[in-house]
PDB file of N, CA and C in Angstrom:
ATOM      1  N   MET A   1      12.168  -6.545  37.499  1.00  0.00           N
ATOM      2  CA  MET A   1      11.365  -5.705  36.630  1.00  0.00           C
ATOM      3  C   MET A   1       9.884  -5.912  36.943  1.00  0.00           C
ATOM      4  N   ASP A   2       9.148  -4.852  36.862  1.00  0.00           N
ATOM      5  CA  ASP A   2       7.721  -4.895  37.115  1.00  0.00           C
ATOM      6  C   ASP A   2       7.021  -5.734  36.040  1.00  0.00           C
ATOM      7  N   LYS A   3       6.055  -6.535  36.447  1.00  0.00           N
ATOM      8  CA  LYS A   3       5.344  -7.421  35.509  1.00  0.00           C
ATOM      9  C   LYS A   3       4.640  -6.633  34.401  1.00  0.00           C
ATOM     10  N   SER A   4       4.040  -5.500  34.722  1.00  0.00           N
ATOM     11  CA  SER A   4       3.343  -4.710  33.697  1.00  0.00           C
ATOM     12  C   SER A   4       4.334  -4.115  32.694  1.00  0.00           C
ATOM     13  N   LEU A   5       5.535  -3.774  33.128  1.00  0.00           N
ATOM     14  CA  LEU A   5       6.558  -3.272  32.222  1.00  0.00           C
ATOM     15  C   LEU A   5       7.001  -4.372  31.264  1.00  0.00           C
ATOM     16  N   ILE A   6       7.148  -5.572  31.754  1.00  0.00           N
ATOM     17  CA  ILE A   6       7.530  -6.706  30.911  1.00  0.00           C
ATOM     18  C   ILE A   6       6.455  -6.966  29.859  1.00  0.00           C
ATOM     19  N   ILE A   7       5.209  -6.940  30.258  1.00  0.00           N
ATOM     20  CA  ILE A   7       4.098  -7.157  29.328  1.00  0.00           C
ATOM     21  C   ILE A   7       4.079  -6.047  28.278  1.00  0.00           C
ATOM     22  N   PHE A   8       4.268  -4.793  28.718  1.00  0.00           N
ATOM     23  CA  PHE A   8       4.290  -3.672  27.785  1.00  0.00           C
ATOM     24  C   PHE A   8       5.427  -3.827  26.777  1.00  0.00           C
ATOM     25  N   LEU A   9       6.619  -4.159  27.234  1.00  0.00           N
ATOM     26  CA  LEU A   9       7.762  -4.327  26.331  1.00  0.00           C
ATOM     27  C   LEU A   9       7.540  -5.480  25.352  1.00  0.00           C
ATOM     28  N   ALA A  10       6.978  -6.571  25.839  1.00  0.00           N
ATOM     29  CA  ALA A  10       6.692  -7.709  24.959  1.00  0.00           C
ATOM     30  C   ALA A  10       5.693  -7.301  23.886  1.00  0.00           C
ATOM     31  N   PHE A  11       4.655  -6.585  24.258  1.00  0.00           N
ATOM     32  CA  PHE A  11       3.655  -6.119  23.299  1.00  0.00           C
ATOM     33  C   PHE A  11       4.284  -5.171  22.283  1.00  0.00           C
ATOM     34  N   ALA A  12       5.131  -4.251  22.751  1.00  0.00           N
ATOM     35  CA  ALA A  12       5.798  -3.306  21.858  1.00  0.00           C
ATOM     36  C   ALA A  12       6.698  -4.034  20.860  1.00  0.00           C
ATOM     37  N   ILE A  13       7.391  -5.062  21.310  1.00  0.00           N
ATOM     38  CA  ILE A  13       8.257  -5.839  20.422  1.00  0.00           C
ATOM     39  C   ILE A  13       7.433  -6.564  19.365  1.00  0.00           C
ATOM     40  N   VAL A  14       6.314  -7.137  19.752  1.00  0.00           N
ATOM     41  CA  VAL A  14       5.440  -7.833  18.801  1.00  0.00           C
ATOM     42  C   VAL A  14       4.940  -6.861  17.740  1.00  0.00           C
ATOM     43  N   ILE A  15       4.502  -5.678  18.146  1.00  0.00           N
ATOM     44  CA  ILE A  15       4.025  -4.671  17.196  1.00  0.00           C
ATOM     45  C   ILE A  15       5.159  -4.258  16.263  1.00  0.00           C
ATOM     46  N   PHE A  16       6.347  -4.017  16.804  1.00  0.00           N
ATOM     47  CA  PHE A  16       7.504  -3.619  16.000  1.00  0.00           C
ATOM     48  C   PHE A  16       7.835  -4.689  14.965  1.00  0.00           C
ATOM     49  N   VAL A  17       7.875  -5.943  15.373  1.00  0.00           N
ATOM     50  CA  VAL A  17       8.180  -7.039  14.445  1.00  0.00           C
ATOM     51  C   VAL A  17       7.107  -7.128  13.364  1.00  0.00           C
ATOM     52  N   PHE A  18       5.843  -6.976  13.730  1.00  0.00           N
ATOM     53  CA  PHE A  18       4.759  -7.008  12.755  1.00  0.00           C
ATOM     54  C   PHE A  18       4.934  -5.924  11.707  1.00  0.00           C
ATOM     55  N   VAL A  19       5.256  -4.708  12.137  1.00  0.00           N
ATOM     56  CA  VAL A  19       5.441  -3.590  11.204  1.00  0.00           C
ATOM     57  C   VAL A  19       6.617  -3.870  10.272  1.00  0.00           C
ATOM     58  N   ILE A  20       7.705  -4.368  10.803  1.00  0.00           N
ATOM     59  CA  ILE A  20       8.881  -4.668   9.983  1.00  0.00           C
ATOM     60  C   ILE A  20       8.556  -5.760   8.963  1.00  0.00           C
ATOM     61  N   ILE A  21       7.882  -6.807   9.377  1.00  0.00           N
ATOM     62  CA  ILE A  21       7.533  -7.895   8.457  1.00  0.00           C
ATOM     63  C   ILE A  21       6.614  -7.383   7.356  1.00  0.00           C
ATOM     64  N   GLN A  22       5.610  -6.591   7.713  1.00  0.00           N
ATOM     65  CA  GLN A  22       4.678  -6.051   6.715  1.00  0.00           C
ATOM     66  C   GLN A  22       5.398  -5.138   5.728  1.00  0.00           C
ATOM     67  N   THR A  23       6.398  -4.434   6.189  1.00  0.00           N
ATOM     68  CA  THR A  23       7.151  -3.530   5.336  1.00  0.00           C
ATOM     69  C   THR A  23       8.046  -4.288   4.370  1.00  0.00           C
ATOM     70  N   LEU A  24       8.637  -5.372   4.839  1.00  0.00           N
ATOM     71  CA  LEU A  24       9.599  -6.099   4.027  1.00  0.00           C
ATOM     72  C   LEU A  24       8.963  -7.096   3.069  1.00  0.00           C
ATOM     73  N   LEU A  25       7.763  -7.546   3.371  1.00  0.00           N
ATOM     74  CA  LEU A  25       7.090  -8.480   2.472  1.00  0.00           C
ATOM     75  C   LEU A  25       6.664  -7.758   1.207  1.00  0.00           C
ATOM     76  N   PRO A  26       6.737  -8.435   0.063  1.00  0.00           N
ATOM     77  CA  PRO A  26       6.265  -7.781  -1.161  1.00  0.00           C
ATOM     78  C   PRO A  26       4.765  -7.527  -1.064  1.00  0.00           C
ATOM     79  N   LEU A  27       4.373  -6.312  -1.400  1.00  0.00           N
ATOM     80  CA  LEU A  27       2.962  -5.931  -1.339  1.00  0.00           C
ATOM     81  C   LEU A  27       2.374  -5.994  -2.736  1.00  0.00           C
ATOM     82  N   THR A  28       2.174  -7.202  -3.215  1.00  0.00           N
ATOM     83  CA  THR A  28       1.664  -7.383  -4.562  1.00  0.00           C
ATOM     84  C   THR A  28       0.311  -8.070  -4.488  1.00  0.00           C
ATOM     85  N   LYS A  29      -0.657  -7.492  -5.168  1.00  0.00           N
ATOM     86  CA  LYS A  29      -1.987  -8.083  -5.242  1.00  0.00           C
ATOM     87  C   LYS A  29      -1.903  -9.286  -6.165  1.00  0.00           C
ATOM     88  N   THR A  30      -2.473 -10.378  -5.724  1.00  0.00           N
ATOM     89  CA  THR A  30      -2.487 -11.557  -6.583  1.00  0.00           C
ATOM     90  C   THR A  30      -3.858 -11.689  -7.214  1.00  0.00           C
ATOM     91  N   ASN A  31      -3.857 -12.222  -8.404  1.00  0.00           N
ATOM     92  CA  ASN A  31      -5.100 -12.388  -9.128  1.00  0.00           C
ATOM     93  C   ASN A  31      -5.007 -13.716  -9.881  1.00  0.00           C
ATOM     94  N   ASP A  32      -6.025 -14.553  -9.765  1.00  0.00           N
ATOM     95  CA  ASP A  32      -5.998 -15.858 -10.423  1.00  0.00           C
ATOM     96  C   ASP A  32      -6.018 -15.732 -11.941  1.00  0.00           C
ATOM     97  N   GLU A  33      -6.655 -14.676 -12.447  1.00  0.00           N
ATOM     98  CA  GLU A  33      -6.735 -14.492 -13.891  1.00  0.00           C
ATOM     99  C   GLU A  33      -5.479 -13.768 -14.383  1.00  0.00           C
ATOM    100  N   GLU A  34      -5.029 -14.144 -15.558  1.00  0.00           N
ATOM    101  CA  GLU A  34      -3.915 -13.432 -16.184  1.00  0.00           C
ATOM    102  C   GLU A  34      -4.459 -12.141 -16.792  1.00  0.00           C
ATOM    103  N   PRO A  35      -3.915 -10.995 -16.393  1.00  0.00           N
ATOM    104  CA  PRO A  35      -4.425  -9.743 -16.954  1.00  0.00           C
ATOM    105  C   PRO A  35      -4.002  -9.573 -18.407  1.00  0.00           C
ATOM    106  N   ASP A  36      -4.811  -8.827 -19.144  1.00  0.00           N
ATOM    107  CA  ASP A  36      -4.474  -8.468 -20.511  1.00  0.00           C
ATOM    108  C   ASP A  36      -3.537  -7.269 -20.421  1.00  0.00           C
ATOM    109  N   ASN A  37      -2.232  -7.523 -20.561  1.00  0.00           N
ATOM    110  CA  ASN A  37      -1.228  -6.492 -20.352  1.00  0.00           C
ATOM    111  C   ASN A  37      -1.339  -5.316 -21.320  1.00  0.00           C
ATOM    112  N   SER A  38      -2.031  -5.495 -22.437  1.00  0.00           N
ATOM    113  CA  SER A  38      -2.148  -4.393 -23.391  1.00  0.00           C
ATOM    114  C   SER A  38      -2.989  -3.240 -22.841  1.00  0.00           C
ATOM    115  N   ASN A  39      -3.834  -3.517 -21.861  1.00  0.00           N
ATOM    116  CA  ASN A  39      -4.682  -2.482 -21.272  1.00  0.00           C
ATOM    117  C   ASN A  39      -4.130  -1.943 -19.961  1.00  0.00           C
ATOM    118  N   LEU A  40      -2.952  -2.412 -19.542  1.00  0.00           N
ATOM    119  CA  LEU A  40      -2.412  -2.000 -18.251  1.00  0.00           C
ATOM    120  C   LEU A  40      -1.655  -0.684 -18.354  1.00  0.00           C
ATOM    121  N   SER A  41      -1.902   0.159 -17.374  1.00  0.00           N
ATOM    122  CA  SER A  41      -1.171   1.410 -17.224  1.00  0.00           C
ATOM    123  C   SER A  41      -0.522   1.396 -15.849  1.00  0.00           C
ATOM    124  N   THR A  42       0.447   2.272 -15.672  1.00  0.00           N
ATOM    125  CA  THR A  42       1.151   2.358 -14.396  1.00  0.00           C
ATOM    126  C   THR A  42       0.943   3.730 -13.781  1.00  0.00           C
ATOM    127  N   LEU A  43       0.703   3.737 -12.490  1.00  0.00           N
ATOM    128  CA  LEU A  43       0.579   4.968 -11.730  1.00  0.00           C
ATOM    129  C   LEU A  43       1.542   4.883 -10.556  1.00  0.00           C
ATOM    130  N   ASN A  44       2.439   5.839 -10.453  1.00  0.00           N
ATOM    131  CA  ASN A  44       3.361   5.921  -9.319  1.00  0.00           C
ATOM    132  C   ASN A  44       2.899   7.065  -8.439  1.00  0.00           C
ATOM    133  N   ILE A  45       2.700   6.753  -7.150  1.00  0.00           N
ATOM    134  CA  ILE A  45       2.224   7.783  -6.231  1.00  0.00           C
ATOM    135  C   ILE A  45       3.110   7.853  -4.995  1.00  0.00           C
ATOM    136  N   GLU A  46       3.101   9.028  -4.408  1.00  0.00           N
ATOM    137  CA  GLU A  46       3.732   9.263  -3.112  1.00  0.00           C
ATOM    138  C   GLU A  46       2.583   9.564  -2.150  1.00  0.00           C
ATOM    139  N   VAL A  47       2.541   8.834  -1.041  1.00  0.00           N
ATOM    140  CA  VAL A  47       1.444   8.994  -0.092  1.00  0.00           C
ATOM    141  C   VAL A  47       2.014   9.546   1.215  1.00  0.00           C
ATOM    142  N   SER A  48       1.351  10.536   1.773  1.00  0.00           N
ATOM    143  CA  SER A  48       1.800  11.162   3.023  1.00  0.00           C
ATOM    144  C   SER A  48       1.415  10.298   4.221  1.00  0.00           C
ATOM    145  N   ILE A  49       2.130   9.171   4.359  1.00  0.00           N
ATOM    146  CA  ILE A  49       1.905   8.297   5.506  1.00  0.00           C
ATOM    147  C   ILE A  49       2.971   8.621   6.560  1.00  0.00           C
ATOM    148  N   PRO A  50       2.609   8.507   7.848  1.00  0.00           N
ATOM    149  CA  PRO A  50       3.562   8.867   8.895  1.00  0.00           C
ATOM    150  C   PRO A  50       4.737   7.891   9.023  1.00  0.00           C
ATOM    151  N   CYS A  51       4.527   6.641   8.596  1.00  0.00           N
ATOM    152  CA  CYS A  51       5.611   5.661   8.659  1.00  0.00           C
ATOM    153  C   CYS A  51       5.288   4.519   7.691  1.00  0.00           C
ATOM    154  N   PRO A  52       6.288   3.700   7.333  1.00  0.00           N
ATOM    155  CA  PRO A  52       6.055   2.588   6.407  1.00  0.00           C
ATOM    156  C   PRO A  52       5.062   1.548   6.938  1.00  0.00           C
ATOM    157  N   GLY A  53       4.820   1.569   8.228  1.00  0.00           N
ATOM    158  CA  GLY A  53       3.845   0.639   8.800  1.00  0.00           C
ATOM    159  C   GLY A  53       2.429   0.877   8.302  1.00  0.00           C
ATOM    160  N   HIS A  54       2.170   2.030   7.711  1.00  0.00           N
ATOM    161  CA  HIS A  54       0.845   2.331   7.159  1.00  0.00           C
ATOM    162  C   HIS A  54       0.673   1.795   5.736  1.00  0.00           C
ATOM    163  N   ALA A  55       1.731   1.269   5.138  1.00  0.00           N
ATOM    164  CA  ALA A  55       1.645   0.757   3.763  1.00  0.00           C
ATOM    165  C   ALA A  55       0.565  -0.319   3.598  1.00  0.00           C
ATOM    166  N   PRO A  56       0.451  -1.291   4.527  1.00  0.00           N
ATOM    167  CA  PRO A  56      -0.613  -2.287   4.364  1.00  0.00           C
ATOM    168  C   PRO A  56      -2.017  -1.674   4.376  1.00  0.00           C
ATOM    169  N   LEU A  57      -2.203  -0.600   5.147  1.00  0.00           N
ATOM    170  CA  LEU A  57      -3.502   0.082   5.177  1.00  0.00           C
ATOM    171  C   LEU A  57      -3.809   0.684   3.804  1.00  0.00           C
ATOM    172  N   ILE A  58      -2.838   1.383   3.242  1.00  0.00           N
ATOM    173  CA  ILE A  58      -3.025   1.986   1.916  1.00  0.00           C
ATOM    174  C   ILE A  58      -3.281   0.896   0.891  1.00  0.00           C
ATOM    175  N   LYS A  59      -2.509  -0.175   0.962  1.00  0.00           N
ATOM    176  CA  LYS A  59      -2.668  -1.291   0.023  1.00  0.00           C
ATOM    177  C   LYS A  59      -4.074  -1.886   0.117  1.00  0.00           C
ATOM    178  N   SER A  60      -4.590  -2.029   1.328  1.00  0.00           N
ATOM    179  CA  SER A  60      -5.922  -2.632   1.487  1.00  0.00           C
ATOM    180  C   SER A  60      -7.000  -1.779   0.816  1.00  0.00           C
ATOM    181  N   TYR A  61      -6.873  -0.477   0.880  1.00  0.00           N
ATOM    182  CA  TYR A  61      -7.831   0.392   0.194  1.00  0.00           C
ATOM    183  C   TYR A  61      -7.669   0.310  -1.318  1.00  0.00           C
ATOM    184  N   LEU A  62      -6.416   0.284  -1.783  1.00  0.00           N
ATOM    185  CA  LEU A  62      -6.175   0.200  -3.223  1.00  0.00           C
ATOM    186  C   LEU A  62      -6.710  -1.113  -3.802  1.00  0.00           C
ATOM    187  N   GLN A  63      -6.594  -2.187  -3.053  1.00  0.00           N
ATOM    188  CA  GLN A  63      -7.054  -3.487  -3.542  1.00  0.00           C
ATOM    189  C   GLN A  63      -8.559  -3.529  -3.765  1.00  0.00           C
ATOM    190  N   GLN A  64      -9.285  -2.618  -3.163  1.00  0.00           N
ATOM    191  CA  GLN A  64     -10.738  -2.582  -3.323  1.00  0.00           C
ATOM    192  C   GLN A  64     -11.169  -1.928  -4.643  1.00  0.00           C
ATOM    193  N   VAL A  65     -10.227  -1.306  -5.327  1.00  0.00           N
ATOM    194  CA  VAL A  65     -10.549  -0.637  -6.593  1.00  0.00           C
ATOM    195  C   VAL A  65     -10.540  -1.668  -7.717  1.00  0.00           C
ATOM    196  N   ASP A  66     -11.691  -1.834  -8.374  1.00  0.00           N
ATOM    197  CA  ASP A  66     -11.788  -2.762  -9.488  1.00  0.00           C
ATOM    198  C   ASP A  66     -10.876  -2.290 -10.617  1.00  0.00           C
ATOM    199  N   GLY A  67     -10.031  -3.173 -11.083  1.00  0.00           N
ATOM    200  CA  GLY A  67      -9.139  -2.831 -12.185  1.00  0.00           C
ATOM    201  C   GLY A  67      -7.679  -2.743 -11.777  1.00  0.00           C
ATOM    202  N   ILE A  68      -7.407  -2.630 -10.486  1.00  0.00           N
ATOM    203  CA  ILE A  68      -6.017  -2.604 -10.048  1.00  0.00           C
ATOM    204  C   ILE A  68      -5.486  -4.032 -10.069  1.00  0.00           C
ATOM    205  N   GLU A  69      -4.402  -4.217 -10.803  1.00  0.00           N
ATOM    206  CA  GLU A  69      -3.830  -5.560 -10.979  1.00  0.00           C
ATOM    207  C   GLU A  69      -2.669  -5.846 -10.039  1.00  0.00           C
ATOM    208  N   SER A  70      -1.859  -4.818  -9.716  1.00  0.00           N
ATOM    209  CA  SER A  70      -0.750  -5.044  -8.782  1.00  0.00           C
ATOM    210  C   SER A  70      -0.408  -3.746  -8.065  1.00  0.00           C
ATOM    211  N   ILE A  71       0.120  -3.922  -6.854  1.00  0.00           N
ATOM    212  CA  ILE A  71       0.526  -2.802  -6.017  1.00  0.00           C
ATOM    213  C   ILE A  71       1.875  -3.170  -5.416  1.00  0.00           C
ATOM    214  N   LYS A  72       2.856  -2.309  -5.626  1.00  0.00           N
ATOM    215  CA  LYS A  72       4.170  -2.536  -5.027  1.00  0.00           C
ATOM    216  C   LYS A  72       4.532  -1.312  -4.196  1.00  0.00           C
ATOM    217  N   PHE A  73       5.049  -1.565  -3.013  1.00  0.00           N
ATOM    218  CA  PHE A  73       5.432  -0.496  -2.100  1.00  0.00           C
ATOM    219  C   PHE A  73       6.947  -0.367  -2.088  1.00  0.00           C
ATOM    220  N   LYS A  74       7.417   0.889  -2.065  1.00  0.00           N
ATOM    221  CA  LYS A  74       8.852   1.158  -1.958  1.00  0.00           C
ATOM    222  C   LYS A  74       9.056   2.186  -0.846  1.00  0.00           C
ATOM    223  N   LEU A  75       9.965   1.885   0.040  1.00  0.00           N
ATOM    224  CA  LEU A  75      10.259   2.786   1.151  1.00  0.00           C
ATOM    225  C   LEU A  75      10.677   4.151   0.639  1.00  0.00           C
ATOM    226  N   PRO A  76      10.310   5.225   1.284  1.00  0.00           N
ATOM    227  CA  PRO A  76       9.554   5.252   2.530  1.00  0.00           C
ATOM    228  C   PRO A  76       8.040   5.353   2.338  1.00  0.00           C
ATOM    229  N   ASN A  77       7.575   5.854   1.159  1.00  0.00           N
ATOM    230  CA  ASN A  77       6.127   6.086   1.015  1.00  0.00           C
ATOM    231  C   ASN A  77       5.659   6.097  -0.438  1.00  0.00           C
ATOM    232  N   TYR A  78       6.273   5.270  -1.267  1.00  0.00           N
ATOM    233  CA  TYR A  78       5.938   5.242  -2.691  1.00  0.00           C
ATOM    234  C   TYR A  78       5.205   3.956  -3.059  1.00  0.00           C
ATOM    235  N   PHE A  79       4.232   4.076  -3.944  1.00  0.00           N
ATOM    236  CA  PHE A  79       3.473   2.930  -4.418  1.00  0.00           C
ATOM    237  C   PHE A  79       3.487   2.924  -5.941  1.00  0.00           C
ATOM    238  N   ASN A  80       3.757   1.755  -6.505  1.00  0.00           N
ATOM    239  CA  ASN A  80       3.695   1.544  -7.944  1.00  0.00           C
ATOM    240  C   ASN A  80       2.434   0.714  -8.182  1.00  0.00           C
ATOM    241  N   ILE A  81       1.502   1.258  -8.940  1.00  0.00           N
ATOM    242  CA  ILE A  81       0.200   0.614  -9.154  1.00  0.00           C
ATOM    243  C   ILE A  81       0.032   0.322 -10.629  1.00  0.00           C
ATOM    244  N   LYS A  82      -0.259  -0.920 -10.947  1.00  0.00           N
ATOM    245  CA  LYS A  82      -0.597  -1.298 -12.317  1.00  0.00           C
ATOM    246  C   LYS A  82      -2.102  -1.525 -12.339  1.00  0.00           C
ATOM    247  N   TYR A  83      -2.747  -0.871 -13.321  1.00  0.00           N
ATOM    248  CA  TYR A  83      -4.206  -0.964 -13.379  1.00  0.00           C
ATOM    249  C   TYR A  83      -4.674  -1.105 -14.816  1.00  0.00           C
ATOM    250  N   ASP A  84      -5.851  -1.718 -14.965  1.00  0.00           N
ATOM    251  CA  ASP A  84      -6.492  -1.893 -16.266  1.00  0.00           C
ATOM    252  C   ASP A  84      -7.231  -0.606 -16.591  1.00  0.00           C
ATOM    253  N   GLN A  85      -6.775   0.095 -17.617  1.00  0.00           N
ATOM    254  CA  GLN A  85      -7.373   1.386 -17.958  1.00  0.00           C
ATOM    255  C   GLN A  85      -8.794   1.267 -18.510  1.00  0.00           C
ATOM    256  N   ASN A  86      -9.223   0.040 -18.822  1.00  0.00           N
ATOM    257  CA  ASN A  86     -10.615  -0.168 -19.239  1.00  0.00           C
ATOM    258  C   ASN A  86     -11.552  -0.262 -18.044  1.00  0.00           C
ATOM    259  N   LYS A  87     -10.994  -0.479 -16.840  1.00  0.00           N
ATOM    260  CA  LYS A  87     -11.811  -0.649 -15.647  1.00  0.00           C
ATOM    261  C   LYS A  87     -11.733   0.520 -14.675  1.00  0.00           C
ATOM    262  N   THR A  88     -10.634   1.250 -14.681  1.00  0.00           N
ATOM    263  CA  THR A  88     -10.484   2.371 -13.754  1.00  0.00           C
ATOM    264  C   THR A  88      -9.560   3.419 -14.363  1.00  0.00           C
ATOM    265  N   THR A  89      -9.443   4.532 -13.666  1.00  0.00           N
ATOM    266  CA  THR A  89      -8.605   5.636 -14.143  1.00  0.00           C
ATOM    267  C   THR A  89      -7.714   6.125 -13.007  1.00  0.00           C
ATOM    268  N   LYS A  90      -6.720   6.916 -13.368  1.00  0.00           N
ATOM    269  CA  LYS A  90      -5.856   7.545 -12.356  1.00  0.00           C
ATOM    270  C   LYS A  90      -6.703   8.369 -11.392  1.00  0.00           C
ATOM    271  N   GLU A  91      -7.636   9.109 -11.961  1.00  0.00           N
ATOM    272  CA  GLU A  91      -8.471   9.991 -11.149  1.00  0.00           C
ATOM    273  C   GLU A  91      -9.271   9.210 -10.115  1.00  0.00           C
ATOM    274  N   LYS A  92      -9.822   8.063 -10.519  1.00  0.00           N
ATOM    275  CA  LYS A  92     -10.587   7.237  -9.577  1.00  0.00           C
ATOM    276  C   LYS A  92      -9.676   6.693  -8.484  1.00  0.00           C
ATOM    277  N   ILE A  93      -8.486   6.263  -8.875  1.00  0.00           N
ATOM    278  CA  ILE A  93      -7.549   5.722  -7.892  1.00  0.00           C
ATOM    279  C   ILE A  93      -7.152   6.805  -6.892  1.00  0.00           C
ATOM    280  N   LEU A  94      -6.820   7.985  -7.388  1.00  0.00           N
ATOM    281  CA  LEU A  94      -6.368   9.062  -6.510  1.00  0.00           C
ATOM    282  C   LEU A  94      -7.486   9.677  -5.668  1.00  0.00           C
ATOM    283  N   SER A  95      -8.733   9.297  -5.947  1.00  0.00           N
ATOM    284  CA  SER A  95      -9.847   9.861  -5.188  1.00  0.00           C
ATOM    285  C   SER A  95     -10.428   8.885  -4.158  1.00  0.00           C
ATOM    286  N   ILE A  96      -9.752   7.767  -3.901  1.00  0.00           N
ATOM    287  CA  ILE A  96     -10.298   6.842  -2.896  1.00  0.00           C
ATOM    288  C   ILE A  96     -10.245   7.491  -1.512  1.00  0.00           C
ATOM    289  N   ASP A  97     -11.120   7.039  -0.633  1.00  0.00           N
ATOM    290  CA  ASP A  97     -11.333   7.665   0.675  1.00  0.00           C
ATOM    291  C   ASP A  97     -10.063   7.839   1.510  1.00  0.00           C
ATOM    292  N   ILE A  98      -9.190   6.867   1.508  1.00  0.00           N
ATOM    293  CA  ILE A  98      -8.012   6.920   2.381  1.00  0.00           C
ATOM    294  C   ILE A  98      -7.121   8.109   2.055  1.00  0.00           C
ATOM    295  N   PHE A  99      -7.177   8.585   0.818  1.00  0.00           N
ATOM    296  CA  PHE A  99      -6.317   9.700   0.435  1.00  0.00           C
ATOM    297  C   PHE A  99      -6.839  11.049   0.945  1.00  0.00           C
ATOM    298  N   ALA A 100      -8.018  11.066   1.554  1.00  0.00           N
ATOM    299  CA  ALA A 100      -8.475  12.272   2.248  1.00  0.00           C
ATOM    300  C   ALA A 100      -7.692  12.423   3.554  1.00  0.00           C
ATOM    301  N   GLN A 101      -7.380  11.293   4.170  1.00  0.00           N
ATOM    302  CA  GLN A 101      -6.620  11.310   5.420  1.00  0.00           C
ATOM    303  C   GLN A 101      -5.112  11.329   5.164  1.00  0.00           C
ATOM    304  N   TYR A 102      -4.675  10.566   4.169  1.00  0.00           N
ATOM    305  CA  TYR A 102      -3.260  10.493   3.801  1.00  0.00           C
ATOM    306  C   TYR A 102      -3.138  10.919   2.340  1.00  0.00           C
ATOM    307  N   PRO A 103      -2.913  12.195   2.088  1.00  0.00           N
ATOM    308  CA  PRO A 103      -2.898  12.704   0.704  1.00  0.00           C
ATOM    309  C   PRO A 103      -1.883  11.981  -0.181  1.00  0.00           C
ATOM    310  N   ALA A 104      -2.267  11.783  -1.437  1.00  0.00           N
ATOM    311  CA  ALA A 104      -1.413  11.124  -2.420  1.00  0.00           C
ATOM    312  C   ALA A 104      -1.260  12.027  -3.630  1.00  0.00           C
ATOM    313  N   ARG A 105      -0.101  11.905  -4.257  1.00  0.00           N
ATOM    314  CA  ARG A 105       0.120  12.657  -5.489  1.00  0.00           C
ATOM    315  C   ARG A 105       0.911  11.791  -6.444  1.00  0.00           C
ATOM    316  N   GLU A 106       0.657  12.003  -7.734  1.00  0.00           N
ATOM    317  CA  GLU A 106       1.381  11.253  -8.762  1.00  0.00           C
ATOM    318  C   GLU A 106       2.821  11.758  -8.813  1.00  0.00           C
ATOM    319  N   VAL A 107       3.759  10.813  -8.962  1.00  0.00           N
ATOM    320  CA  VAL A 107       5.182  11.152  -9.084  1.00  0.00           C
ATOM    321  C   VAL A 107       5.792  10.327 -10.204  1.00  0.00           C
ATOM    322  N   GLN A 108       6.978  10.731 -10.620  1.00  0.00           N
ATOM    323  CA  GLN A 108       7.744   9.904 -11.558  1.00  0.00           C
ATOM    324  C   GLN A 108       8.193   8.655 -10.821  1.00  0.00           C
ATOM    325  N   LYS A 109       8.484   7.603 -11.570  1.00  0.00           N
ATOM    326  CA  LYS A 109       8.873   6.329 -10.964  1.00  0.00           C
ATOM    327  C   LYS A 109      10.041   6.507 -10.008  1.00  0.00           C
ATOM    328  N   LYS A 110       9.915   5.889  -8.840  1.00  0.00           N
ATOM    329  CA  LYS A 110      10.977   5.921  -7.818  1.00  0.00           C
ATOM    330  C   LYS A 110      11.676   4.596  -7.760  1.00  0.00           C
TER     331      LYS A 110
END
């Protein structure tokens, strides 16, 4: 086998394993403070991502929103978001920049 083909296949396998691991790991934001659950609301969204490997990208953008307490991903493209309604709103969450590229819409719980 050609050396460059071996290197390409090894790289492809590493990328594939990384995507699978990121997909299977729980995508939950951790927070040292205990949230006041009385102010928490839930938002379930479906995001138009091309594959589950994009879930960590979406999660990273969601984690930047002040007030989001947890994010859970469910195959193939659903996110369950718990947020403090005193700090943010559904509208603010659904208007983050990444959703211009990968549109999101609210759905019933999946």
